[in-house]
Protein backbone atom coordinates (compact mmCIF):
# COMPACT_ATOMS: atom_id res chain seq x y z
CA MET A 1 33.67 -5.88 46.82
CA LYS A 2 36.07 -4.87 49.46
CA GLY A 3 35.68 -6.69 52.81
CA LEU A 4 33.53 -9.45 51.75
CA GLN A 5 36.00 -12.33 51.66
CA GLY A 6 35.20 -14.74 54.44
CA ARG A 7 32.18 -12.78 55.79
CA ARG A 8 29.51 -15.01 57.32
CA VAL A 9 26.07 -14.14 55.96
CA PHE A 10 22.63 -15.40 56.81
CA ILE A 11 20.17 -14.89 53.89
CA THR A 12 16.58 -15.74 54.44
CA GLY A 13 14.39 -16.98 51.55
CA ALA A 14 17.40 -18.24 49.49
CA SER A 15 15.46 -21.02 47.71
CA SER A 16 14.61 -19.03 44.58
CA GLY A 17 14.37 -15.61 43.00
CA ILE A 18 16.20 -12.63 44.43
CA GLY A 19 17.39 -14.62 47.35
CA ALA A 20 19.06 -17.18 45.29
CA GLY A 21 20.65 -14.52 43.14
CA MET A 22 21.94 -12.82 46.33
CA ALA A 23 23.52 -16.20 47.34
CA LYS A 24 25.18 -16.66 43.94
CA VAL A 25 26.79 -13.22 43.99
CA LEU A 26 27.87 -13.26 47.51
CA ALA A 27 29.42 -16.79 47.16
CA GLY A 28 31.30 -15.24 44.30
CA TYR A 29 32.81 -12.68 46.62
CA GLY A 30 33.87 -15.40 48.96
CA CYS A 31 31.18 -15.14 51.73
CA LYS A 32 30.22 -18.00 53.85
CA LEU A 33 26.49 -18.52 53.70
CA VAL A 34 23.70 -19.76 55.73
CA LEU A 35 20.74 -20.21 53.47
CA HIS A 36 17.20 -20.22 54.77
CA TYR A 37 14.16 -21.81 53.00
CA ASN A 38 10.66 -22.84 54.07
CA ARG A 39 8.99 -25.31 51.67
CA ASN A 40 10.93 -25.17 48.46
CA GLU A 41 13.32 -28.12 49.01
CA LYS A 42 14.22 -28.47 45.34
CA GLY A 43 15.05 -24.69 45.13
CA ILE A 44 17.21 -24.64 48.02
CA ALA A 45 19.11 -27.84 46.86
CA GLN A 46 19.79 -25.88 43.60
CA THR A 47 20.87 -22.77 45.33
CA LEU A 48 23.32 -24.84 47.45
CA ALA A 49 24.60 -26.77 44.51
CA THR A 50 25.28 -23.53 42.65
CA VAL A 51 27.19 -22.17 45.65
CA LYS A 52 29.18 -25.36 46.06
CA GLU A 53 30.02 -25.52 42.42
CA MET A 54 31.50 -21.88 42.67
CA GLY A 55 33.63 -23.23 45.55
CA GLY A 56 31.76 -21.53 48.15
CA GLU A 57 30.82 -22.60 51.65
CA ALA A 58 27.21 -22.89 52.77
CA GLU A 59 24.79 -24.55 55.16
CA ILE A 60 20.97 -24.70 54.77
CA ILE A 61 18.35 -24.16 57.46
CA ARG A 62 14.55 -24.52 57.29
CA GLY A 63 11.99 -22.20 59.04
CA ASP A 64 8.46 -21.07 58.69
CA PHE A 65 8.25 -17.33 59.33
CA GLU A 66 4.61 -17.53 60.36
CA GLN A 67 5.83 -19.42 63.35
CA LEU A 68 7.12 -16.33 65.01
CA ASP A 69 7.90 -18.21 68.41
CA GLN A 70 10.41 -20.40 66.54
CA LEU A 71 12.48 -17.44 65.16
CA ASP A 72 14.89 -17.16 68.07
CA LYS A 73 15.74 -20.73 67.89
CA LEU A 74 16.25 -20.54 64.25
CA PHE A 75 18.59 -17.52 64.55
CA GLU A 76 20.61 -19.28 67.27
CA GLN A 77 21.13 -22.26 64.75
CA ALA A 78 22.13 -19.95 62.02
CA TRP A 79 24.63 -18.14 64.22
CA GLN A 80 26.29 -21.38 65.26
CA PHE A 81 26.99 -22.85 61.64
CA PHE A 82 30.26 -20.77 61.26
CA GLY A 83 30.86 -19.68 64.83
CA GLY A 84 28.88 -16.44 64.38
CA LEU A 85 27.51 -14.09 61.55
CA ASP A 86 28.81 -11.01 60.22
CA ALA A 87 25.62 -10.03 58.31
CA LEU A 88 21.89 -10.60 57.98
CA VAL A 89 19.86 -10.39 54.78
CA ASN A 90 16.16 -10.35 55.47
CA ASN A 91 15.04 -11.35 52.08
CA ALA A 92 12.11 -13.83 52.75
CA GLY A 93 8.62 -12.35 52.30
CA LEU A 94 5.07 -12.75 50.85
CA ILE A 95 3.80 -10.84 47.84
CA THR A 96 0.16 -10.47 48.66
CA LYS A 97 -2.27 -9.25 46.09
CA THR A 98 -5.78 -8.61 47.00
CA LEU A 99 -8.42 -5.79 47.06
CA SER A 100 -8.90 -4.39 50.49
CA LEU A 101 -12.72 -5.35 50.44
CA LYS A 102 -11.72 -8.93 49.62
CA ASP A 103 -9.90 -8.99 52.97
CA PRO A 104 -12.06 -6.98 55.17
CA ALA A 105 -11.05 -8.87 58.40
CA GLY A 106 -7.35 -8.46 57.56
CA GLU A 107 -6.59 -12.16 57.63
CA LYS A 108 -4.13 -11.81 54.69
CA PHE A 109 -3.10 -8.37 55.96
CA SER A 110 -1.97 -9.81 59.34
CA ARG A 111 -0.23 -12.81 57.69
CA THR A 112 1.76 -10.60 55.47
CA LEU A 113 2.80 -8.24 58.21
CA ALA A 114 3.90 -11.23 60.26
CA VAL A 115 6.19 -12.55 57.56
CA ASN A 116 7.24 -9.29 55.87
CA LEU A 117 7.68 -7.11 58.84
CA HIS A 118 7.65 -8.95 62.27
CA ALA A 119 9.90 -11.76 61.22
CA PRO A 120 12.72 -9.50 59.92
CA TYR A 121 12.14 -7.16 62.99
CA GLN A 122 12.67 -10.17 65.25
CA LEU A 123 15.61 -11.53 63.37
CA SER A 124 17.31 -8.35 63.19
CA CYS A 125 16.91 -7.73 66.96
CA ALA A 126 18.49 -11.26 67.55
CA PHE A 127 21.36 -10.38 65.26
CA ALA A 128 21.95 -7.10 66.86
CA LYS A 129 22.00 -8.67 70.38
CA ALA A 130 24.50 -11.42 69.25
CA CYS A 131 26.80 -8.96 67.73
CA ILE A 132 26.75 -6.66 70.68
CA GLU A 133 27.43 -9.65 73.05
CA ALA A 134 30.21 -10.70 70.74
CA LYS A 135 31.64 -7.13 70.73
CA GLN A 136 31.71 -7.03 66.79
CA ALA A 137 30.36 -4.94 64.00
CA GLY A 138 27.57 -6.16 61.71
CA ALA A 139 25.48 -5.24 58.69
CA ILE A 140 21.84 -5.81 57.95
CA VAL A 141 20.02 -5.52 54.53
CA ASN A 142 16.31 -5.56 54.57
CA ASN A 143 14.93 -6.60 51.04
CA SER A 144 11.87 -4.19 50.75
CA SER A 145 10.12 -2.99 47.57
CA ILE A 146 9.42 0.14 45.65
CA HIS A 147 5.99 -0.53 46.86
CA GLY A 148 7.12 0.93 50.19
CA GLN A 149 7.61 4.27 48.57
CA ALA A 150 4.97 4.35 45.68
CA THR A 151 2.20 1.57 45.28
CA CYS A 152 -0.93 0.84 43.44
CA GLU A 153 -4.26 -1.10 43.83
CA TRP A 154 -4.24 -4.69 45.13
CA PHE A 155 -1.18 -4.05 47.41
CA ALA A 156 -2.54 -2.82 50.82
CA ALA A 157 -1.04 -5.49 52.78
CA TYR A 158 2.25 -5.74 50.88
CA ALA A 159 2.80 -2.06 50.61
CA ALA A 160 2.04 -1.44 54.34
CA SER A 161 4.56 -4.21 55.37
CA LYS A 162 7.36 -2.75 53.08
CA ALA A 163 6.66 0.86 54.08
CA ALA A 164 6.95 -0.12 57.70
CA LEU A 165 10.16 -2.25 57.06
CA ASP A 166 11.64 0.88 55.60
CA ALA A 167 10.68 2.85 58.70
CA VAL A 168 11.93 0.12 61.13
CA THR A 169 15.25 0.10 59.13
CA LYS A 170 15.83 3.82 59.86
CA VAL A 171 14.99 3.51 63.56
CA GLN A 172 17.28 0.33 63.95
CA ALA A 173 20.03 2.15 62.17
CA ILE A 174 19.76 4.93 64.74
CA GLU A 175 19.66 2.63 67.70
CA TRP A 176 22.43 0.33 66.81
CA GLY A 177 24.87 2.59 65.01
CA LYS A 178 26.90 3.18 68.24
CA TYR A 179 27.60 -0.51 68.16
CA GLY A 180 28.90 -0.60 64.71
CA ILE A 181 25.80 -2.27 63.30
CA ARG A 182 24.58 -0.78 59.90
CA VAL A 183 20.96 -1.32 58.68
CA ASN A 184 19.98 -0.46 55.07
CA VAL A 185 17.15 -1.15 52.60
CA LEU A 186 17.39 -2.67 49.18
CA ALA A 187 14.23 -1.65 47.29
CA PRO A 188 13.87 -3.66 44.01
CA GLY A 189 11.37 -2.91 41.27
CA VAL A 190 10.19 -5.32 38.72
CA VAL A 191 12.55 -8.30 38.72
CA PRO A 192 11.30 -11.44 36.94
CA VAL A 193 11.80 -14.63 39.03
CA GLU A 194 10.66 -18.22 38.64
CA ARG A 195 7.04 -17.69 39.40
CA THR A 196 6.67 -14.45 37.37
CA PHE A 197 9.09 -15.06 34.54
CA ASP A 198 6.67 -16.47 31.92
CA ILE A 199 3.82 -13.75 32.48
CA LEU A 200 6.33 -10.82 32.73
CA ASN A 201 7.95 -11.85 29.41
CA LYS A 202 4.78 -12.10 27.46
CA PRO A 203 5.27 -9.36 24.68
CA GLU A 204 2.30 -7.25 25.78
CA MET A 205 3.16 -7.41 29.36
CA GLU A 206 6.76 -6.65 28.88
CA GLN A 207 5.93 -3.61 26.66
CA LYS A 208 3.48 -2.49 29.22
CA TRP A 209 6.13 -2.45 31.99
CA THR A 210 9.33 -1.63 30.22
CA ASN A 211 7.68 1.45 28.52
CA ALA A 212 7.06 2.84 32.10
CA MET A 213 10.78 2.51 32.96
CA PRO A 214 13.34 5.08 31.85
CA ALA A 215 15.89 2.16 31.73
CA GLY A 216 13.66 0.28 29.27
CA ARG A 217 14.16 -3.15 30.72
CA TYR A 218 13.53 -5.24 33.76
CA GLY A 219 16.02 -5.78 36.62
CA THR A 220 17.77 -9.12 37.18
CA VAL A 221 18.29 -11.21 40.33
CA GLU A 222 22.22 -10.86 39.89
CA GLU A 223 21.75 -7.04 39.90
CA MET A 224 19.95 -7.31 43.21
CA GLY A 225 22.82 -9.50 44.52
CA GLU A 226 25.45 -7.03 43.46
CA ALA A 227 23.49 -4.19 45.28
CA THR A 228 23.33 -6.51 48.37
CA ALA A 229 27.14 -7.12 48.12
CA TYR A 230 27.63 -3.30 47.97
CA LEU A 231 25.44 -2.67 51.10
CA LEU A 232 27.29 -5.43 53.01
CA SER A 233 30.82 -4.38 51.88
CA GLU A 234 33.23 -1.83 53.22
CA HIS A 235 32.36 0.41 50.21
CA SER A 236 29.24 1.44 52.01
CA SER A 237 30.83 1.70 55.50
CA TRP A 238 29.19 5.21 55.91
CA MET A 239 25.87 4.21 54.75
CA SER A 240 23.17 3.30 57.25
CA GLY A 241 19.47 3.94 57.49
CA SER A 242 19.32 4.36 53.84
CA ILE A 243 17.13 2.99 50.91
CA LEU A 244 18.90 1.83 47.91
CA THR A 245 16.29 1.68 45.03
CA LEU A 246 16.94 -0.26 41.91
CA ASP A 247 13.84 -0.03 39.66
CA GLY A 248 15.03 1.33 36.27
CA GLY A 249 13.54 4.63 37.18
CA LEU A 250 9.98 3.37 37.36
CA ILE A 251 8.76 5.24 40.51
CA ALA A 252 10.94 8.40 39.63
CA ARG A 253 8.86 8.68 36.45
CA GLY A 254 5.68 7.99 38.60
CA ASN A 255 4.04 5.95 35.96
CA TYR A 256 2.79 2.52 37.23
CA PRO A 257 0.67 0.80 34.56
CA GLN A 258 -2.97 0.63 35.71
CA ARG A 259 -3.99 -2.85 36.84
């Protein structure tokens, strides 16, 4: 990927799953990484070890995205590790599954929006401000979901947070384009990760999902990493305010399995 060597990238939620896959791929392209985690110390240690084994440079930083008043300080620390940042990947998030009437007061709803929407909004603003003050360009990738475009039962909070993140991405791309800051969305479909691998790979579940996908298979965290690398690279230098959907054709076919 052209232009990634030596780029300083802050990845949130890098202790497992797609975030860890992003870290591995970006390290392979020569990026210097700031890897965020919250509670998964074993996972972030593994991600860091993988990056180091590849000869990459990385630092780790811990932060709870429900503590929104701590995010500016967290960003300042991330910015200082390598004397600045060239890119921000807002990957950390909650996958909340509940029927709306099981959360009538919206407690889970509010918590989900804090982590999935407010936190990346706030971090993106801090990143843009720092880039403008440093008189440098920058790139932001917001890891959203196909649920921001087409969803199903149980996902009111999650889908709302991702649809809103898609919209915020477009607005910030408009506001910050004149400063050379690009903002795009990665929208993954069904990608097995540590907490879902076993259930998604049960024969009946795998058949249920992959039959609904024209590509006939799940995605991988490495494919999400490669897509992120593309969005951060010079190959996408004219791309901003866009949604890059990787779902094996699931929502194009419009056939979610009924839950």
